[in-house]
Amino acid sequence: MAEKFKILVTDDDPDILEINSTILRNAGYEVYEAATGVECLDMVRRHHPDLVLLDVILPDMTGLEICKKIKEDPELKGPFIILFSGIQVSSDNQAEGLGVGADGYLIKPLSRNEFVARIQAMERIKRAEDRLFQTQREQAMIIEELRKAVDEIKTLRGLIPICAWCKRIRDDEGYWDQLEVYLSKHSEAVFSHGLCPECSNAEREKIKAQSVKLKATGRKKRKT
């Protein structure tokens, strides 16, 4: 089950703050409230909301300034920010807000249904982004684990003396080992013995020859 989506509503108008917060709580969200820029930044640091609904005009600083501070602070875990205004509503105002890092810009007033629908749309985008980030982080961890594993693998380097006749290899102490014994000492390889097709055919021919020889020997003994 997904964790409850957390929203911080920031507005210096107490009536609008209460109305928007109530609508979002009724829609199933976990809601926090702030009336100034300082309160907003403090709530973001303490509660790490998923989304900040931020009034553009506040008594102590602008919503654009707050947005920029949040987006530039790596410790604030990058919440989505929607700027909200009934005064600064021109296309230039909206472009400026998006330019400082806002993820959306809403114009007051909105109907309740449209307000909730837009928040839900942002929630879907934020959750998808979080899932992608988590997947990328897990992949990075797997890659790092594989890199460490490769670093730990023993490798064979340099000139290795091998007998041209019996294929034994001389180790560092002067002893001559079977190939698989030597490789087991100097690598993480595990051997599973079997016969290649050529050796298998050769062994069959040897067995057949021995069988024919034994039969011939048996017939000679019976004649004598």
C-alpha atoms as a PDB file:
ATOM      1  CA  MET A   1       0.000   0.000   0.000  1.00  0.00           C
ATOM      2  CA  ALA A   2       1.358   3.413  -0.994  1.00  0.00           C
ATOM      3  CA  GLU A   3       2.239   5.885   1.733  1.00  0.00           C
ATOM      4  CA  LYS A   4      -0.103   8.800   2.233  1.00  0.00           C
ATOM      5  CA  PHE A   5       0.801  11.720  -0.013  1.00  0.00           C
ATOM      6  CA  LYS A   6       1.908  14.733   2.044  1.00  0.00           C
ATOM      7  CA  ILE A   7       1.061  18.299   1.008  1.00  0.00           C
ATOM      8  CA  LEU A   8       2.191  21.582   2.552  1.00  0.00           C
ATOM      9  CA  VAL A   9      -0.235  24.443   1.895  1.00  0.00           C
ATOM     10  CA  THR A  10       1.317  27.898   2.264  1.00  0.00           C
ATOM     11  CA  ASP A  11      -0.853  31.011   2.143  1.00  0.00           C
ATOM     12  CA  ASP A  12      -0.952  34.214   4.201  1.00  0.00           C
ATOM     13  CA  ASP A  13      -4.746  34.472   3.818  1.00  0.00           C
ATOM     14  CA  PRO A  14      -6.141  32.401   6.716  1.00  0.00           C
ATOM     15  CA  ASP A  15      -9.478  31.791   4.976  1.00  0.00           C
ATOM     16  CA  ILE A  16      -7.895  30.504   1.764  1.00  0.00           C
ATOM     17  CA  LEU A  17      -5.412  28.463   3.796  1.00  0.00           C
ATOM     18  CA  GLU A  18      -8.211  26.788   5.741  1.00  0.00           C
ATOM     19  CA  ILE A  19     -10.398  26.173   2.655  1.00  0.00           C
ATOM     20  CA  ASN A  20      -7.610  24.629   0.568  1.00  0.00           C
ATOM     21  CA  SER A  21      -6.329  22.542   3.459  1.00  0.00           C
ATOM     22  CA  THR A  22      -9.828  21.208   4.207  1.00  0.00           C
ATOM     23  CA  ILE A  23     -10.456  20.311   0.561  1.00  0.00           C
ATOM     24  CA  LEU A  24      -7.182  18.394   0.388  1.00  0.00           C
ATOM     25  CA  ARG A  25      -7.750  16.578   3.683  1.00  0.00           C
ATOM     26  CA  ASN A  26     -11.197  15.517   2.493  1.00  0.00           C
ATOM     27  CA  ALA A  27      -9.547  14.221  -0.683  1.00  0.00           C
ATOM     28  CA  GLY A  28      -7.403  11.909   1.438  1.00  0.00           C
ATOM     29  CA  TYR A  29      -4.141  13.826   1.713  1.00  0.00           C
ATOM     30  CA  GLU A  30      -1.969  14.429   4.759  1.00  0.00           C
ATOM     31  CA  VAL A  31      -1.878  18.229   4.982  1.00  0.00           C
ATOM     32  CA  TYR A  32       0.437  20.686   6.740  1.00  0.00           C
ATOM     33  CA  GLU A  33      -0.048  24.463   6.866  1.00  0.00           C
ATOM     34  CA  ALA A  34       2.196  27.545   6.796  1.00  0.00           C
ATOM     35  CA  ALA A  35       1.386  31.263   6.595  1.00  0.00           C
ATOM     36  CA  THR A  36       4.845  32.733   5.858  1.00  0.00           C
ATOM     37  CA  GLY A  37       7.944  31.881   3.897  1.00  0.00           C
ATOM     38  CA  VAL A  38       9.924  31.119   7.059  1.00  0.00           C
ATOM     39  CA  GLU A  39       7.200  28.771   8.300  1.00  0.00           C
ATOM     40  CA  CYS A  40       7.079  27.105   4.901  1.00  0.00           C
ATOM     41  CA  LEU A  41      10.821  26.386   4.833  1.00  0.00           C
ATOM     42  CA  ASP A  42      10.709  25.123   8.403  1.00  0.00           C
ATOM     43  CA  MET A  43       7.798  22.764   7.634  1.00  0.00           C
ATOM     44  CA  VAL A  44       9.568  21.455   4.542  1.00  0.00           C
ATOM     45  CA  ARG A  45      12.676  20.647   6.590  1.00  0.00           C
ATOM     46  CA  ARG A  46      10.682  18.973   9.374  1.00  0.00           C
ATOM     47  CA  HIS A  47       8.057  17.038   7.412  1.00  0.00           C
ATOM     48  CA  HIS A  48       9.525  16.568   3.902  1.00  0.00           C
ATOM     49  CA  PRO A  49       6.215  16.952   2.047  1.00  0.00           C
ATOM     50  CA  ASP A  50       5.742  15.431  -1.389  1.00  0.00           C
ATOM     51  CA  LEU A  51       4.162  18.614  -2.726  1.00  0.00           C
ATOM     52  CA  VAL A  52       4.153  22.270  -1.677  1.00  0.00           C
ATOM     53  CA  LEU A  53       1.209  24.446  -2.705  1.00  0.00           C
ATOM     54  CA  LEU A  54       2.819  27.865  -2.489  1.00  0.00           C
ATOM     55  CA  ASP A  55       1.211  31.302  -2.665  1.00  0.00           C
ATOM     56  CA  VAL A  56       3.316  33.619  -4.829  1.00  0.00           C
ATOM     57  CA  ILE A  57       2.897  36.662  -2.551  1.00  0.00           C
ATOM     58  CA  LEU A  58       3.752  36.229   1.138  1.00  0.00           C
ATOM     59  CA  PRO A  59       4.546  38.852   3.814  1.00  0.00           C
ATOM     60  CA  ASP A  60       8.220  37.959   4.334  1.00  0.00           C
ATOM     61  CA  MET A  61       9.393  36.679   0.926  1.00  0.00           C
ATOM     62  CA  THR A  62       7.993  35.767  -2.444  1.00  0.00           C
ATOM     63  CA  GLY A  63       6.922  32.296  -3.472  1.00  0.00           C
ATOM     64  CA  LEU A  64       9.576  32.381  -6.187  1.00  0.00           C
ATOM     65  CA  GLU A  65      12.307  32.984  -3.595  1.00  0.00           C
ATOM     66  CA  ILE A  66      11.021  30.120  -1.462  1.00  0.00           C
ATOM     67  CA  CYS A  67      10.777  27.844  -4.469  1.00  0.00           C
ATOM     68  CA  LYS A  68      14.367  28.557  -5.434  1.00  0.00           C
ATOM     69  CA  LYS A  69      15.614  27.917  -1.877  1.00  0.00           C
ATOM     70  CA  ILE A  70      13.841  24.552  -1.722  1.00  0.00           C
ATOM     71  CA  LYS A  71      14.986  23.398  -5.145  1.00  0.00           C
ATOM     72  CA  GLU A  72      18.613  24.332  -4.488  1.00  0.00           C
ATOM     73  CA  ASP A  73      18.813  22.590  -1.102  1.00  0.00           C
ATOM     74  CA  PRO A  74      19.720  18.880  -1.535  1.00  0.00           C
ATOM     75  CA  GLU A  75      18.645  18.113   2.038  1.00  0.00           C
ATOM     76  CA  LEU A  76      15.014  19.026   1.354  1.00  0.00           C
ATOM     77  CA  LYS A  77      14.485  15.905  -0.817  1.00  0.00           C
ATOM     78  CA  GLY A  78      13.026  17.790  -3.748  1.00  0.00           C
ATOM     79  CA  PRO A  79       9.272  18.130  -3.220  1.00  0.00           C
ATOM     80  CA  PHE A  80       7.119  19.173  -6.151  1.00  0.00           C
ATOM     81  CA  ILE A  81       6.160  22.834  -5.933  1.00  0.00           C
ATOM     82  CA  ILE A  82       2.996  24.384  -7.346  1.00  0.00           C
ATOM     83  CA  LEU A  83       2.855  28.170  -7.296  1.00  0.00           C
ATOM     84  CA  PHE A  84      -0.606  29.586  -6.654  1.00  0.00           C
ATOM     85  CA  SER A  85      -1.718  33.172  -7.335  1.00  0.00           C
ATOM     86  CA  GLY A  86      -4.738  35.313  -8.103  1.00  0.00           C
ATOM     87  CA  ILE A  87      -2.692  38.444  -8.816  1.00  0.00           C
ATOM     88  CA  GLN A  88       0.423  37.453 -10.729  1.00  0.00           C
ATOM     89  CA  VAL A  89      -1.412  35.558 -13.435  1.00  0.00           C
ATOM     90  CA  SER A  90       0.172  36.675 -16.718  1.00  0.00           C
ATOM     91  CA  SER A  91       2.059  34.274 -18.967  1.00  0.00           C
ATOM     92  CA  ASP A  92       5.274  36.094 -18.045  1.00  0.00           C
ATOM     93  CA  ASN A  93       4.561  35.567 -14.333  1.00  0.00           C
ATOM     94  CA  GLN A  94       3.963  31.872 -14.922  1.00  0.00           C
ATOM     95  CA  ALA A  95       7.085  31.531 -17.067  1.00  0.00           C
ATOM     96  CA  GLU A  96       9.150  33.209 -14.345  1.00  0.00           C
ATOM     97  CA  GLY A  97       7.789  30.819 -11.732  1.00  0.00           C
ATOM     98  CA  LEU A  98       8.499  27.763 -13.824  1.00  0.00           C
ATOM     99  CA  GLY A  99      11.919  29.219 -14.594  1.00  0.00           C
ATOM    100  CA  VAL A 100      13.001  29.117 -10.936  1.00  0.00           C
ATOM    101  CA  GLY A 101      12.039  25.448 -10.664  1.00  0.00           C
ATOM    102  CA  ALA A 102       8.307  25.323  -9.930  1.00  0.00           C
ATOM    103  CA  ASP A 103       6.591  22.193 -11.234  1.00  0.00           C
ATOM    104  CA  GLY A 104       3.272  23.919 -11.862  1.00  0.00           C
ATOM    105  CA  TYR A 105       1.458  27.253 -11.682  1.00  0.00           C
ATOM    106  CA  LEU A 106      -2.225  27.537 -10.746  1.00  0.00           C
ATOM    107  CA  ILE A 107      -4.427  30.581 -11.089  1.00  0.00           C
ATOM    108  CA  LYS A 108      -6.948  31.481  -8.379  1.00  0.00           C
ATOM    109  CA  PRO A 109      -9.812  30.912  -8.124  1.00  0.00           C
ATOM    110  CA  LEU A 110     -10.341  27.255  -9.085  1.00  0.00           C
ATOM    111  CA  SER A 111     -13.411  25.108  -8.628  1.00  0.00           C
ATOM    112  CA  ARG A 112     -13.067  22.420  -6.011  1.00  0.00           C
ATOM    113  CA  ASN A 113     -13.159  19.635  -8.619  1.00  0.00           C
ATOM    114  CA  GLU A 114     -10.513  21.213 -10.831  1.00  0.00           C
ATOM    115  CA  PHE A 115      -8.327  21.991  -7.816  1.00  0.00           C
ATOM    116  CA  VAL A 116      -8.387  18.378  -6.602  1.00  0.00           C
ATOM    117  CA  ALA A 117      -7.935  17.002 -10.131  1.00  0.00           C
ATOM    118  CA  ARG A 118      -4.824  19.110 -10.709  1.00  0.00           C
ATOM    119  CA  ILE A 119      -3.343  18.042  -7.376  1.00  0.00           C
ATOM    120  CA  GLN A 120      -4.074  14.394  -8.197  1.00  0.00           C
ATOM    121  CA  ALA A 121      -2.348  14.791 -11.557  1.00  0.00           C
ATOM    122  CA  MET A 122       0.743  16.156  -9.815  1.00  0.00           C
ATOM    123  CA  GLU A 123       0.606  13.284  -7.346  1.00  0.00           C
ATOM    124  CA  ARG A 124       0.690  10.745 -10.174  1.00  0.00           C
ATOM    125  CA  ILE A 125       3.690  12.456 -11.750  1.00  0.00           C
ATOM    126  CA  LYS A 126       5.526  12.702  -8.426  1.00  0.00           C
ATOM    127  CA  ARG A 127       4.938   9.051  -7.553  1.00  0.00           C
ATOM    128  CA  ALA A 128       6.104   7.954 -11.011  1.00  0.00           C
ATOM    129  CA  GLU A 129       9.235  10.070 -10.634  1.00  0.00           C
ATOM    130  CA  ASP A 130       9.923   8.597  -7.175  1.00  0.00           C
ATOM    131  CA  ARG A 131       9.550   5.049  -8.530  1.00  0.00           C
ATOM    132  CA  LEU A 132      11.970   5.831 -11.346  1.00  0.00           C
ATOM    133  CA  PHE A 133      14.476   7.304  -8.899  1.00  0.00           C
ATOM    134  CA  GLN A 134      14.195   4.232  -6.662  1.00  0.00           C
ATOM    135  CA  THR A 135      14.735   1.916  -9.618  1.00  0.00           C
ATOM    136  CA  GLN A 136      17.789   3.870 -10.727  1.00  0.00           C
ATOM    137  CA  ARG A 137      19.197   3.788  -7.194  1.00  0.00           C
ATOM    138  CA  GLU A 138      18.688   0.015  -6.953  1.00  0.00           C
ATOM    139  CA  GLN A 139      20.360  -0.465 -10.329  1.00  0.00           C
ATOM    140  CA  ALA A 140      23.301   1.650  -9.208  1.00  0.00           C
ATOM    141  CA  MET A 141      23.646  -0.494  -6.077  1.00  0.00           C
ATOM    142  CA  ILE A 142      23.605  -3.691  -8.137  1.00  0.00           C
ATOM    143  CA  ILE A 143      26.235  -2.309 -10.509  1.00  0.00           C
ATOM    144  CA  GLU A 144      28.425  -1.341  -7.557  1.00  0.00           C
ATOM    145  CA  GLU A 145      28.051  -4.824  -6.027  1.00  0.00           C
ATOM    146  CA  LEU A 146      29.014  -6.412  -9.342  1.00  0.00           C
ATOM    147  CA  ARG A 147      32.006  -4.109  -9.625  1.00  0.00           C
ATOM    148  CA  LYS A 148      33.182  -5.126  -6.160  1.00  0.00           C
ATOM    149  CA  ALA A 149      32.665  -8.790  -7.006  1.00  0.00           C
ATOM    150  CA  VAL A 150      34.753  -8.432 -10.157  1.00  0.00           C
ATOM    151  CA  ASP A 151      37.498  -6.699  -8.167  1.00  0.00           C
ATOM    152  CA  GLU A 152      37.587  -9.625  -5.745  1.00  0.00           C
ATOM    153  CA  ILE A 153      37.930 -12.286  -8.440  1.00  0.00           C
ATOM    154  CA  LYS A 154      41.404 -13.775  -8.550  1.00  0.00           C
ATOM    155  CA  THR A 155      43.076 -13.396 -11.943  1.00  0.00           C
ATOM    156  CA  LEU A 156      45.991 -15.173 -13.620  1.00  0.00           C
ATOM    157  CA  ARG A 157      48.710 -12.976 -15.044  1.00  0.00           C
ATOM    158  CA  GLY A 158      52.193 -13.387 -16.440  1.00  0.00           C
ATOM    159  CA  LEU A 159      54.059 -16.337 -17.977  1.00  0.00           C
ATOM    160  CA  ILE A 160      52.725 -19.734 -16.855  1.00  0.00           C
ATOM    161  CA  PRO A 161      55.100 -22.727 -17.366  1.00  0.00           C
ATOM    162  CA  ILE A 162      53.183 -25.749 -18.711  1.00  0.00           C
ATOM    163  CA  CYS A 163      54.449 -29.160 -19.760  1.00  0.00           C
ATOM    164  CA  ALA A 164      53.956 -29.666 -23.514  1.00  0.00           C
ATOM    165  CA  TRP A 165      53.390 -33.402 -22.993  1.00  0.00           C
ATOM    166  CA  CYS A 166      51.279 -33.975 -19.855  1.00  0.00           C
ATOM    167  CA  LYS A 167      49.868 -30.434 -19.616  1.00  0.00           C
ATOM    168  CA  ARG A 168      50.828 -30.062 -15.957  1.00  0.00           C
ATOM    169  CA  ILE A 169      51.581 -26.528 -14.731  1.00  0.00           C
ATOM    170  CA  ARG A 170      54.487 -25.603 -12.462  1.00  0.00           C
ATOM    171  CA  ASP A 171      53.363 -23.511  -9.493  1.00  0.00           C
ATOM    172  CA  ASP A 172      55.304 -20.838  -7.638  1.00  0.00           C
ATOM    173  CA  GLU A 173      56.881 -23.434  -5.336  1.00  0.00           C
ATOM    174  CA  GLY A 174      58.164 -25.614  -8.164  1.00  0.00           C
ATOM    175  CA  TYR A 175      55.502 -28.334  -7.951  1.00  0.00           C
ATOM    176  CA  TRP A 176      53.783 -29.604 -11.092  1.00  0.00           C
ATOM    177  CA  ASP A 177      49.987 -29.613 -10.741  1.00  0.00           C
ATOM    178  CA  GLN A 178      47.168 -30.791 -12.943  1.00  0.00           C
ATOM    179  CA  LEU A 179      45.611 -27.908 -14.858  1.00  0.00           C
ATOM    180  CA  GLU A 180      42.377 -27.924 -12.843  1.00  0.00           C
ATOM    181  CA  VAL A 181      44.291 -28.027  -9.552  1.00  0.00           C
ATOM    182  CA  TYR A 182      46.378 -25.038 -10.543  1.00  0.00           C
ATOM    183  CA  LEU A 183      43.365 -23.022 -11.702  1.00  0.00           C
ATOM    184  CA  SER A 184      41.481 -23.853  -8.497  1.00  0.00           C
ATOM    185  CA  LYS A 185      44.349 -22.406  -6.473  1.00  0.00           C
ATOM    186  CA  HIS A 186      44.581 -19.218  -8.504  1.00  0.00           C
ATOM    187  CA  SER A 187      40.960 -18.440  -9.373  1.00  0.00           C
ATOM    188  CA  GLU A 188      37.402 -18.833  -8.120  1.00  0.00           C
ATOM    189  CA  ALA A 189      36.602 -21.391 -10.837  1.00  0.00           C
ATOM    190  CA  VAL A 190      34.768 -24.592  -9.893  1.00  0.00           C
ATOM    191  CA  PHE A 191      35.265 -27.547 -12.233  1.00  0.00           C
ATOM    192  CA  SER A 192      32.630 -30.002 -13.415  1.00  0.00           C
ATOM    193  CA  HIS A 193      34.341 -32.945 -15.113  1.00  0.00           C
ATOM    194  CA  GLY A 194      33.045 -34.502 -18.298  1.00  0.00           C
ATOM    195  CA  LEU A 195      34.162 -35.664 -21.739  1.00  0.00           C
ATOM    196  CA  CYS A 196      34.274 -33.603 -24.887  1.00  0.00           C
ATOM    197  CA  PRO A 197      32.906 -35.297 -28.060  1.00  0.00           C
ATOM    198  CA  GLU A 198      36.400 -36.078 -29.420  1.00  0.00           C
ATOM    199  CA  CYS A 199      37.579 -37.705 -26.188  1.00  0.00           C
ATOM    200  CA  SER A 200      34.277 -39.540 -25.804  1.00  0.00           C
ATOM    201  CA  ASN A 201      34.613 -41.076 -29.307  1.00  0.00           C
ATOM    202  CA  ALA A 202      38.243 -41.959 -28.672  1.00  0.00           C
ATOM    203  CA  GLU A 203      37.371 -43.732 -25.410  1.00  0.00           C
ATOM    204  CA  ARG A 204      34.584 -45.683 -27.140  1.00  0.00           C
ATOM    205  CA  GLU A 205      37.016 -46.841 -29.805  1.00  0.00           C
ATOM    206  CA  LYS A 206      39.490 -47.946 -27.120  1.00  0.00           C
ATOM    207  CA  ILE A 207      36.743 -49.880 -25.298  1.00  0.00           C
ATOM    208  CA  LYS A 208      35.645 -51.528 -28.550  1.00  0.00           C
ATOM    209  CA  ALA A 209      39.234 -52.475 -29.352  1.00  0.00           C
ATOM    210  CA  GLN A 210      39.743 -53.920 -25.886  1.00  0.00           C
ATOM    211  CA  SER A 211      36.466 -55.844 -26.177  1.00  0.00           C
ATOM    212  CA  VAL A 212      37.486 -57.326 -29.544  1.00  0.00           C
ATOM    213  CA  LYS A 213      40.903 -58.234 -28.130  1.00  0.00           C
ATOM    214  CA  LEU A 214      39.327 -59.940 -25.120  1.00  0.00           C
ATOM    215  CA  LYS A 215      36.945 -61.930 -27.315  1.00  0.00           C
ATOM    216  CA  ALA A 216      39.789 -63.036 -29.556  1.00  0.00           C
ATOM    217  CA  THR A 217      41.817 -64.076 -26.524  1.00  0.00           C
ATOM    218  CA  GLY A 218      38.852 -66.056 -25.200  1.00  0.00           C
ATOM    219  CA  ARG A 219      38.419 -67.955 -28.463  1.00  0.00           C
ATOM    220  CA  LYS A 220      42.104 -68.903 -28.542  1.00  0.00           C
ATOM    221  CA  LYS A 221      41.894 -70.258 -24.984  1.00  0.00           C
ATOM    222  CA  ARG A 222      38.844 -72.402 -25.852  1.00  0.00           C
ATOM    223  CA  LYS A 223      40.651 -73.904 -28.903  1.00  0.00           C
ATOM    224  CA  THR A 224      43.613 -74.921 -26.818  1.00  0.00           C
END
